Amino acid sequence: MARAINEIAKEIRTDWSKLGKGVSPYAKPYLDAMFSLDKITDNYICDSGASVVAYFLANASSWRGETAKRIKKELNEMLKGIY
């Protein structure tokens, strides 16, 4: 069973903050929205959870490392079931 999106968002923020620069300003709005999601099929205002996650991934290229690779893979696996 997939983890809740908001749990993943907490791990992302914690890990990205450890890198010293903070979350990218381009990815931040999508990460903030992810805190409101439980499942990839939930909606955030007028956006689907899947689109929020997809836009986060598209804007999170500066987040690197083992945790980033693992979580990006996890989020992409969730998206495979939607798109």
PDB file of N, CA and C in Angstrom:
ATOM      1  N   MET A   1       0.837  -1.189   0.000  1.00  0.00           N
ATOM      2  CA  MET A   1       0.000   0.000   0.000  1.00  0.00           C
ATOM      3  C   MET A   1       0.881   1.250   0.000  1.00  0.00           C
ATOM      4  N   ALA A   2       0.468   2.231  -0.754  1.00  0.00           N
ATOM      5  CA  ALA A   2       1.240   3.461  -0.894  1.00  0.00           C
ATOM      6  C   ALA A   2       1.133   4.328   0.361  1.00  0.00           C
ATOM      7  N   ARG A   3       2.216   5.028   0.650  1.00  0.00           N
ATOM      8  CA  ARG A   3       2.203   5.973   1.765  1.00  0.00           C
ATOM      9  C   ARG A   3       1.332   7.168   1.417  1.00  0.00           C
ATOM     10  N   ALA A   4       0.860   7.855   2.445  1.00  0.00           N
ATOM     11  CA  ALA A   4       0.086   9.077   2.232  1.00  0.00           C
ATOM     12  C   ALA A   4       0.997  10.145   1.633  1.00  0.00           C
ATOM     13  N   ILE A   5       0.461  10.921   0.720  1.00  0.00           N
ATOM     14  CA  ILE A   5       1.226  11.983   0.077  1.00  0.00           C
ATOM     15  C   ILE A   5       1.731  12.979   1.124  1.00  0.00           C
ATOM     16  N   ASN A   6       0.900  13.295   2.126  1.00  0.00           N
ATOM     17  CA  ASN A   6       1.342  14.268   3.130  1.00  0.00           C
ATOM     18  C   ASN A   6       2.512  13.729   3.965  1.00  0.00           C
ATOM     19  N   GLU A   7       2.587  12.429   4.179  1.00  0.00           N
ATOM     20  CA  GLU A   7       3.739  11.837   4.871  1.00  0.00           C
ATOM     21  C   GLU A   7       4.996  11.970   4.019  1.00  0.00           C
ATOM     22  N   ILE A   8       4.842  11.733   2.735  1.00  0.00           N
ATOM     23  CA  ILE A   8       5.972  11.864   1.812  1.00  0.00           C
ATOM     24  C   ILE A   8       6.437  13.318   1.788  1.00  0.00           C
ATOM     25  N   ALA A   9       5.490  14.256   1.782  1.00  0.00           N
ATOM     26  CA  ALA A   9       5.832  15.682   1.766  1.00  0.00           C
ATOM     27  C   ALA A   9       6.660  16.066   2.992  1.00  0.00           C
ATOM     28  N   LYS A  10       6.315  15.519   4.153  1.00  0.00           N
ATOM     29  CA  LYS A  10       7.091  15.796   5.366  1.00  0.00           C
ATOM     30  C   LYS A  10       8.532  15.319   5.208  1.00  0.00           C
ATOM     31  N   GLU A  11       8.694  14.118   4.656  1.00  0.00           N
ATOM     32  CA  GLU A  11      10.039  13.582   4.465  1.00  0.00           C
ATOM     33  C   GLU A  11      10.821  14.417   3.451  1.00  0.00           C
ATOM     34  N   ILE A  12      10.147  14.871   2.404  1.00  0.00           N
ATOM     35  CA  ILE A  12      10.799  15.703   1.401  1.00  0.00           C
ATOM     36  C   ILE A  12      11.299  16.997   2.034  1.00  0.00           C
ATOM     37  N   ARG A  13      10.418  17.680   2.748  1.00  0.00           N
ATOM     38  CA  ARG A  13      10.811  18.961   3.351  1.00  0.00           C
ATOM     39  C   ARG A  13      11.986  18.781   4.315  1.00  0.00           C
ATOM     40  N   THR A  14      11.938  17.729   5.129  1.00  0.00           N
ATOM     41  CA  THR A  14      13.023  17.466   6.082  1.00  0.00           C
ATOM     42  C   THR A  14      14.337  17.223   5.355  1.00  0.00           C
ATOM     43  N   ASP A  15      14.303  16.365   4.335  1.00  0.00           N
ATOM     44  CA  ASP A  15      15.532  16.032   3.623  1.00  0.00           C
ATOM     45  C   ASP A  15      16.060  17.227   2.831  1.00  0.00           C
ATOM     46  N   TRP A  16      15.194  17.918   2.134  1.00  0.00           N
ATOM     47  CA  TRP A  16      15.627  19.035   1.298  1.00  0.00           C
ATOM     48  C   TRP A  16      16.216  20.143   2.172  1.00  0.00           C
ATOM     49  N   SER A  17      15.650  20.351   3.344  1.00  0.00           N
ATOM     50  CA  SER A  17      16.151  21.377   4.260  1.00  0.00           C
ATOM     51  C   SER A  17      17.562  21.055   4.746  1.00  0.00           C
ATOM     52  N   LYS A  18      17.874  19.769   4.858  1.00  0.00           N
ATOM     53  CA  LYS A  18      19.208  19.354   5.296  1.00  0.00           C
ATOM     54  C   LYS A  18      20.291  19.747   4.297  1.00  0.00           C
ATOM     55  N   LEU A  19      19.902  19.977   3.050  1.00  0.00           N
ATOM     56  CA  LEU A  19      20.877  20.327   2.022  1.00  0.00           C
ATOM     57  C   LEU A  19      21.357  21.770   2.149  1.00  0.00           C
ATOM     58  N   GLY A  20      20.689  22.568   2.982  1.00  0.00           N
ATOM     59  CA  GLY A  20      21.162  23.907   3.279  1.00  0.00           C
ATOM     60  C   GLY A  20      20.568  25.043   2.469  1.00  0.00           C
ATOM     61  N   LYS A  21      19.988  24.769   1.326  1.00  0.00           N
ATOM     62  CA  LYS A  21      19.436  25.840   0.496  1.00  0.00           C
ATOM     63  C   LYS A  21      17.926  26.000   0.660  1.00  0.00           C
ATOM     64  N   GLY A  22      17.280  25.052   1.277  1.00  0.00           N
ATOM     65  CA  GLY A  22      15.825  25.082   1.371  1.00  0.00           C
ATOM     66  C   GLY A  22      15.188  24.577   0.088  1.00  0.00           C
ATOM     67  N   VAL A  23      13.902  24.448   0.114  1.00  0.00           N
ATOM     68  CA  VAL A  23      13.142  23.931  -1.022  1.00  0.00           C
ATOM     69  C   VAL A  23      13.177  24.947  -2.164  1.00  0.00           C
ATOM     70  N   SER A  24      13.329  24.463  -3.361  1.00  0.00           N
ATOM     71  CA  SER A  24      13.316  25.319  -4.551  1.00  0.00           C
ATOM     72  C   SER A  24      12.032  26.140  -4.583  1.00  0.00           C
ATOM     73  N   PRO A  25      12.123  27.428  -4.920  1.00  0.00           N
ATOM     74  CA  PRO A  25      10.907  28.249  -5.000  1.00  0.00           C
ATOM     75  C   PRO A  25       9.951  27.779  -6.092  1.00  0.00           C
ATOM     76  N   TYR A  26      10.466  27.021  -7.052  1.00  0.00           N
ATOM     77  CA  TYR A  26       9.619  26.503  -8.126  1.00  0.00           C
ATOM     78  C   TYR A  26       8.839  25.269  -7.675  1.00  0.00           C
ATOM     79  N   ALA A  27       9.434  24.466  -6.804  1.00  0.00           N
ATOM     80  CA  ALA A  27       8.786  23.254  -6.313  1.00  0.00           C
ATOM     81  C   ALA A  27       7.952  23.506  -5.061  1.00  0.00           C
ATOM     82  N   LYS A  28       8.245  24.579  -4.330  1.00  0.00           N
ATOM     83  CA  LYS A  28       7.603  24.832  -3.040  1.00  0.00           C
ATOM     84  C   LYS A  28       6.070  24.880  -3.094  1.00  0.00           C
ATOM     85  N   PRO A  29       5.448  25.577  -4.048  1.00  0.00           N
ATOM     86  CA  PRO A  29       3.974  25.598  -4.054  1.00  0.00           C
ATOM     87  C   PRO A  29       3.360  24.199  -4.189  1.00  0.00           C
ATOM     88  N   TYR A  30       4.014  23.352  -4.953  1.00  0.00           N
ATOM     89  CA  TYR A  30       3.503  21.998  -5.153  1.00  0.00           C
ATOM     90  C   TYR A  30       3.759  21.134  -3.924  1.00  0.00           C
ATOM     91  N   LEU A  31       4.905  21.322  -3.290  1.00  0.00           N
ATOM     92  CA  LEU A  31       5.174  20.603  -2.046  1.00  0.00           C
ATOM     93  C   LEU A  31       4.185  21.040  -0.974  1.00  0.00           C
ATOM     94  N   ASP A  32       3.917  22.332  -0.878  1.00  0.00           N
ATOM     95  CA  ASP A  32       2.936  22.830   0.092  1.00  0.00           C
ATOM     96  C   ASP A  32       1.560  22.205  -0.155  1.00  0.00           C
ATOM     97  N   ALA A  33       1.180  22.093  -1.410  1.00  0.00           N
ATOM     98  CA  ALA A  33      -0.114  21.483  -1.756  1.00  0.00           C
ATOM     99  C   ALA A  33      -0.135  20.000  -1.381  1.00  0.00           C
ATOM    100  N   MET A  34       0.999  19.340  -1.486  1.00  0.00           N
ATOM    101  CA  MET A  34       1.075  17.910  -1.163  1.00  0.00           C
ATOM    102  C   MET A  34       0.764  17.638   0.307  1.00  0.00           C
ATOM    103  N   PHE A  35       0.963  18.628   1.170  1.00  0.00           N
ATOM    104  CA  PHE A  35       0.626  18.463   2.588  1.00  0.00           C
ATOM    105  C   PHE A  35      -0.880  18.315   2.798  1.00  0.00           C
ATOM    106  N   SER A  36      -1.678  18.726   1.823  1.00  0.00           N
ATOM    107  CA  SER A  36      -3.138  18.621   1.916  1.00  0.00           C
ATOM    108  C   SER A  36      -3.682  17.335   1.304  1.00  0.00           C
ATOM    109  N   LEU A  37      -2.800  16.519   0.741  1.00  0.00           N
ATOM    110  CA  LEU A  37      -3.237  15.307   0.046  1.00  0.00           C
ATOM    111  C   LEU A  37      -2.955  14.058   0.867  1.00  0.00           C
ATOM    112  N   ASP A  38      -3.887  13.145   0.819  1.00  0.00           N
ATOM    113  CA  ASP A  38      -3.685  11.832   1.421  1.00  0.00           C
ATOM    114  C   ASP A  38      -3.317  10.829   0.334  1.00  0.00           C
ATOM    115  N   LYS A  39      -4.128  10.819  -0.731  1.00  0.00           N
ATOM    116  CA  LYS A  39      -3.915   9.885  -1.842  1.00  0.00           C
ATOM    117  C   LYS A  39      -3.671  10.668  -3.126  1.00  0.00           C
ATOM    118  N   ILE A  40      -3.071  10.001  -4.078  1.00  0.00           N
ATOM    119  CA  ILE A  40      -2.786  10.617  -5.382  1.00  0.00           C
ATOM    120  C   ILE A  40      -4.089  10.965  -6.114  1.00  0.00           C
ATOM    121  N   THR A  41      -5.178  10.325  -5.739  1.00  0.00           N
ATOM    122  CA  THR A  41      -6.473  10.568  -6.380  1.00  0.00           C
ATOM    123  C   THR A  41      -7.258  11.702  -5.717  1.00  0.00           C
ATOM    124  N   ASP A  42      -6.728  12.265  -4.618  1.00  0.00           N
ATOM    125  CA  ASP A  42      -7.383  13.408  -3.975  1.00  0.00           C
ATOM    126  C   ASP A  42      -7.222  14.648  -4.839  1.00  0.00           C
ATOM    127  N   ASN A  43      -8.015  15.663  -4.542  1.00  0.00           N
ATOM    128  CA  ASN A  43      -7.903  16.938  -5.243  1.00  0.00           C
ATOM    129  C   ASN A  43      -7.399  18.013  -4.299  1.00  0.00           C
ATOM    130  N   TYR A  44      -6.678  18.976  -4.864  1.00  0.00           N
ATOM    131  CA  TYR A  44      -6.236  20.160  -4.140  1.00  0.00           C
ATOM    132  C   TYR A  44      -6.848  21.355  -4.860  1.00  0.00           C
ATOM    133  N   ILE A  45      -7.841  21.938  -4.252  1.00  0.00           N
ATOM    134  CA  ILE A  45      -8.650  23.001  -4.850  1.00  0.00           C
ATOM    135  C   ILE A  45      -9.166  22.481  -6.197  1.00  0.00           C
ATOM    136  N   CYS A  46      -8.719  23.065  -7.318  1.00  0.00           N
ATOM    137  CA  CYS A  46      -9.197  22.617  -8.634  1.00  0.00           C
ATOM    138  C   CYS A  46      -8.212  21.688  -9.347  1.00  0.00           C
ATOM    139  N   ASP A  47      -7.115  21.371  -8.696  1.00  0.00           N
ATOM    140  CA  ASP A  47      -6.098  20.513  -9.307  1.00  0.00           C
ATOM    141  C   ASP A  47      -6.191  19.097  -8.767  1.00  0.00           C
ATOM    142  N   SER A  48      -5.896  18.142  -9.610  1.00  0.00           N
ATOM    143  CA  SER A  48      -5.865  16.759  -9.147  1.00  0.00           C
ATOM    144  C   SER A  48      -4.581  16.527  -8.366  1.00  0.00           C
ATOM    145  N   GLY A  49      -4.619  15.589  -7.452  1.00  0.00           N
ATOM    146  CA  GLY A  49      -3.420  15.225  -6.706  1.00  0.00           C
ATOM    147  C   GLY A  49      -2.318  14.755  -7.632  1.00  0.00           C
ATOM    148  N   ALA A  50      -2.710  14.043  -8.675  1.00  0.00           N
ATOM    149  CA  ALA A  50      -1.728  13.550  -9.640  1.00  0.00           C
ATOM    150  C   ALA A  50      -1.008  14.710 -10.324  1.00  0.00           C
ATOM    151  N   SER A  51      -1.745  15.763 -10.690  1.00  0.00           N
ATOM    152  CA  SER A  51      -1.086  16.892 -11.350  1.00  0.00           C
ATOM    153  C   SER A  51      -0.182  17.647 -10.378  1.00  0.00           C
ATOM    154  N   VAL A  52      -0.586  17.759  -9.116  1.00  0.00           N
ATOM    155  CA  VAL A  52       0.262  18.405  -8.111  1.00  0.00           C
ATOM    156  C   VAL A  52       1.580  17.651  -7.977  1.00  0.00           C
ATOM    157  N   VAL A  53       1.496  16.336  -7.877  1.00  0.00           N
ATOM    158  CA  VAL A  53       2.699  15.509  -7.736  1.00  0.00           C
ATOM    159  C   VAL A  53       3.549  15.596  -9.006  1.00  0.00           C
ATOM    160  N   ALA A  54       2.918  15.553 -10.158  1.00  0.00           N
ATOM    161  CA  ALA A  54       3.664  15.632 -11.420  1.00  0.00           C
ATOM    162  C   ALA A  54       4.387  16.972 -11.546  1.00  0.00           C
ATOM    163  N   TYR A  55       3.721  18.060 -11.188  1.00  0.00           N
ATOM    164  CA  TYR A  55       4.358  19.376 -11.255  1.00  0.00           C
ATOM    165  C   TYR A  55       5.466  19.498 -10.210  1.00  0.00           C
ATOM    166  N   PHE A  56       5.272  18.891  -9.041  1.00  0.00           N
ATOM    167  CA  PHE A  56       6.347  18.883  -8.047  1.00  0.00           C
ATOM    168  C   PHE A  56       7.581  18.203  -8.638  1.00  0.00           C
ATOM    169  N   LEU A  57       7.395  17.032  -9.201  1.00  0.00           N
ATOM    170  CA  LEU A  57       8.523  16.291  -9.772  1.00  0.00           C
ATOM    171  C   LEU A  57       9.203  17.075 -10.894  1.00  0.00           C
ATOM    172  N   ALA A  58       8.425  17.762 -11.696  1.00  0.00           N
ATOM    173  CA  ALA A  58       8.987  18.543 -12.799  1.00  0.00           C
ATOM    174  C   ALA A  58       9.826  19.718 -12.297  1.00  0.00           C
ATOM    175  N   ASN A  59       9.530  20.195 -11.091  1.00  0.00           N
ATOM    176  CA  ASN A  59      10.222  21.360 -10.549  1.00  0.00           C
ATOM    177  C   ASN A  59      11.208  21.027  -9.438  1.00  0.00           C
ATOM    178  N   ALA A  60      11.429  19.750  -9.187  1.00  0.00           N
ATOM    179  CA  ALA A  60      12.293  19.330  -8.079  1.00  0.00           C
ATOM    180  C   ALA A  60      13.633  18.782  -8.553  1.00  0.00           C
ATOM    181  N   SER A  61      14.092  19.215  -9.696  1.00  0.00           N
ATOM    182  CA  SER A  61      15.349  18.675 -10.233  1.00  0.00           C
ATOM    183  C   SER A  61      16.565  19.038  -9.388  1.00  0.00           C
ATOM    184  N   SER A  62      16.486  20.116  -8.617  1.00  0.00           N
ATOM    185  CA  SER A  62      17.637  20.499  -7.794  1.00  0.00           C
ATOM    186  C   SER A  62      17.720  19.701  -6.494  1.00  0.00           C
ATOM    187  N   TRP A  63      16.684  18.938  -6.187  1.00  0.00           N
ATOM    188  CA  TRP A  63      16.701  18.082  -4.994  1.00  0.00           C
ATOM    189  C   TRP A  63      17.367  16.771  -5.377  1.00  0.00           C
ATOM    190  N   ARG A  64      18.515  16.506  -4.770  1.00  0.00           N
ATOM    191  CA  ARG A  64      19.307  15.338  -5.146  1.00  0.00           C
ATOM    192  C   ARG A  64      19.701  14.526  -3.921  1.00  0.00           C
ATOM    193  N   GLY A  65      20.219  13.345  -4.174  1.00  0.00           N
ATOM    194  CA  GLY A  65      20.680  12.470  -3.110  1.00  0.00           C
ATOM    195  C   GLY A  65      19.888  11.173  -3.093  1.00  0.00           C
ATOM    196  N   GLU A  66      20.275  10.279  -2.203  1.00  0.00           N
ATOM    197  CA  GLU A  66      19.634   8.959  -2.128  1.00  0.00           C
ATOM    198  C   GLU A  66      18.164   9.062  -1.737  1.00  0.00           C
ATOM    199  N   THR A  67      17.847   9.908  -0.766  1.00  0.00           N
ATOM    200  CA  THR A  67      16.451  10.072  -0.350  1.00  0.00           C
ATOM    201  C   THR A  67      15.633  10.637  -1.498  1.00  0.00           C
ATOM    202  N   ALA A  68      16.174  11.615  -2.194  1.00  0.00           N
ATOM    203  CA  ALA A  68      15.469  12.208  -3.332  1.00  0.00           C
ATOM    204  C   ALA A  68      15.193  11.163  -4.410  1.00  0.00           C
ATOM    205  N   LYS A  69      16.176  10.353  -4.733  1.00  0.00           N
ATOM    206  CA  LYS A  69      15.987   9.312  -5.746  1.00  0.00           C
ATOM    207  C   LYS A  69      14.895   8.338  -5.333  1.00  0.00           C
ATOM    208  N   ARG A  70      14.941   7.920  -4.062  1.00  0.00           N
ATOM    209  CA  ARG A  70      13.961   6.945  -3.568  1.00  0.00           C
ATOM    210  C   ARG A  70      12.544   7.520  -3.603  1.00  0.00           C
ATOM    211  N   ILE A  71      12.395   8.746  -3.137  1.00  0.00           N
ATOM    212  CA  ILE A  71      11.057   9.339  -3.078  1.00  0.00           C
ATOM    213  C   ILE A  71      10.544   9.694  -4.468  1.00  0.00           C
ATOM    214  N   LYS A  72      11.398  10.204  -5.326  1.00  0.00           N
ATOM    215  CA  LYS A  72      10.964  10.499  -6.693  1.00  0.00           C
ATOM    216  C   LYS A  72      10.494   9.220  -7.391  1.00  0.00           C
ATOM    217  N   LYS A  73      11.193   8.131  -7.158  1.00  0.00           N
ATOM    218  CA  LYS A  73      10.778   6.843  -7.723  1.00  0.00           C
ATOM    219  C   LYS A  73       9.413   6.433  -7.163  1.00  0.00           C
ATOM    220  N   GLU A  74       9.236   6.599  -5.852  1.00  0.00           N
ATOM    221  CA  GLU A  74       7.963   6.261  -5.204  1.00  0.00           C
ATOM    222  C   GLU A  74       6.817   7.084  -5.796  1.00  0.00           C
ATOM    223  N   LEU A  75       7.032   8.381  -5.979  1.00  0.00           N
ATOM    224  CA  LEU A  75       5.987   9.246  -6.531  1.00  0.00           C
ATOM    225  C   LEU A  75       5.706   8.905  -7.995  1.00  0.00           C
ATOM    226  N   ASN A  76       6.746   8.606  -8.752  1.00  0.00           N
ATOM    227  CA  ASN A  76       6.541   8.211 -10.151  1.00  0.00           C
ATOM    228  C   ASN A  76       5.758   6.914 -10.261  1.00  0.00           C
ATOM    229  N   GLU A  77       6.004   5.987  -9.331  1.00  0.00           N
ATOM    230  CA  GLU A  77       5.242   4.727  -9.318  1.00  0.00           C
ATOM    231  C   GLU A  77       3.755   5.005  -9.060  1.00  0.00           C
ATOM    232  N   MET A  78       3.471   5.941  -8.171  1.00  0.00           N
ATOM    233  CA  MET A  78       2.074   6.316  -7.911  1.00  0.00           C
ATOM    234  C   MET A  78       1.421   6.898  -9.160  1.00  0.00           C
ATOM    235  N   LEU A  79       2.178   7.719  -9.884  1.00  0.00           N
ATOM    236  CA  LEU A  79       1.644   8.344 -11.082  1.00  0.00           C
ATOM    237  C   LEU A  79       1.383   7.349 -12.208  1.00  0.00           C
ATOM    238  N   LYS A  80       2.145   6.260 -12.242  1.00  0.00           N
ATOM    239  CA  LYS A  80       1.960   5.248 -13.289  1.00  0.00           C
ATOM    240  C   LYS A  80       0.543   4.694 -13.280  1.00  0.00           C
ATOM    241  N   GLY A  81      -0.037   4.587 -12.120  1.00  0.00           N
ATOM    242  CA  GLY A  81      -1.397   4.080 -12.032  1.00  0.00           C
ATOM    243  C   GLY A  81      -2.456   5.072 -12.471  1.00  0.00           C
ATOM    244  N   ILE A  82      -2.067   6.330 -12.606  1.00  0.00           N
ATOM    245  CA  ILE A  82      -3.016   7.386 -12.965  1.00  0.00           C
ATOM    246  C   ILE A  82      -2.911   7.750 -14.444  1.00  0.00           C
ATOM    247  N   TYR A  83      -1.685   7.945 -14.930  1.00  0.00           N
ATOM    248  CA  TYR A  83      -1.486   8.395 -16.316  1.00  0.00           C
ATOM    249  C   TYR A  83      -1.184   7.238 -17.225  1.00  0.00           C
TER     250      TYR A  83
END
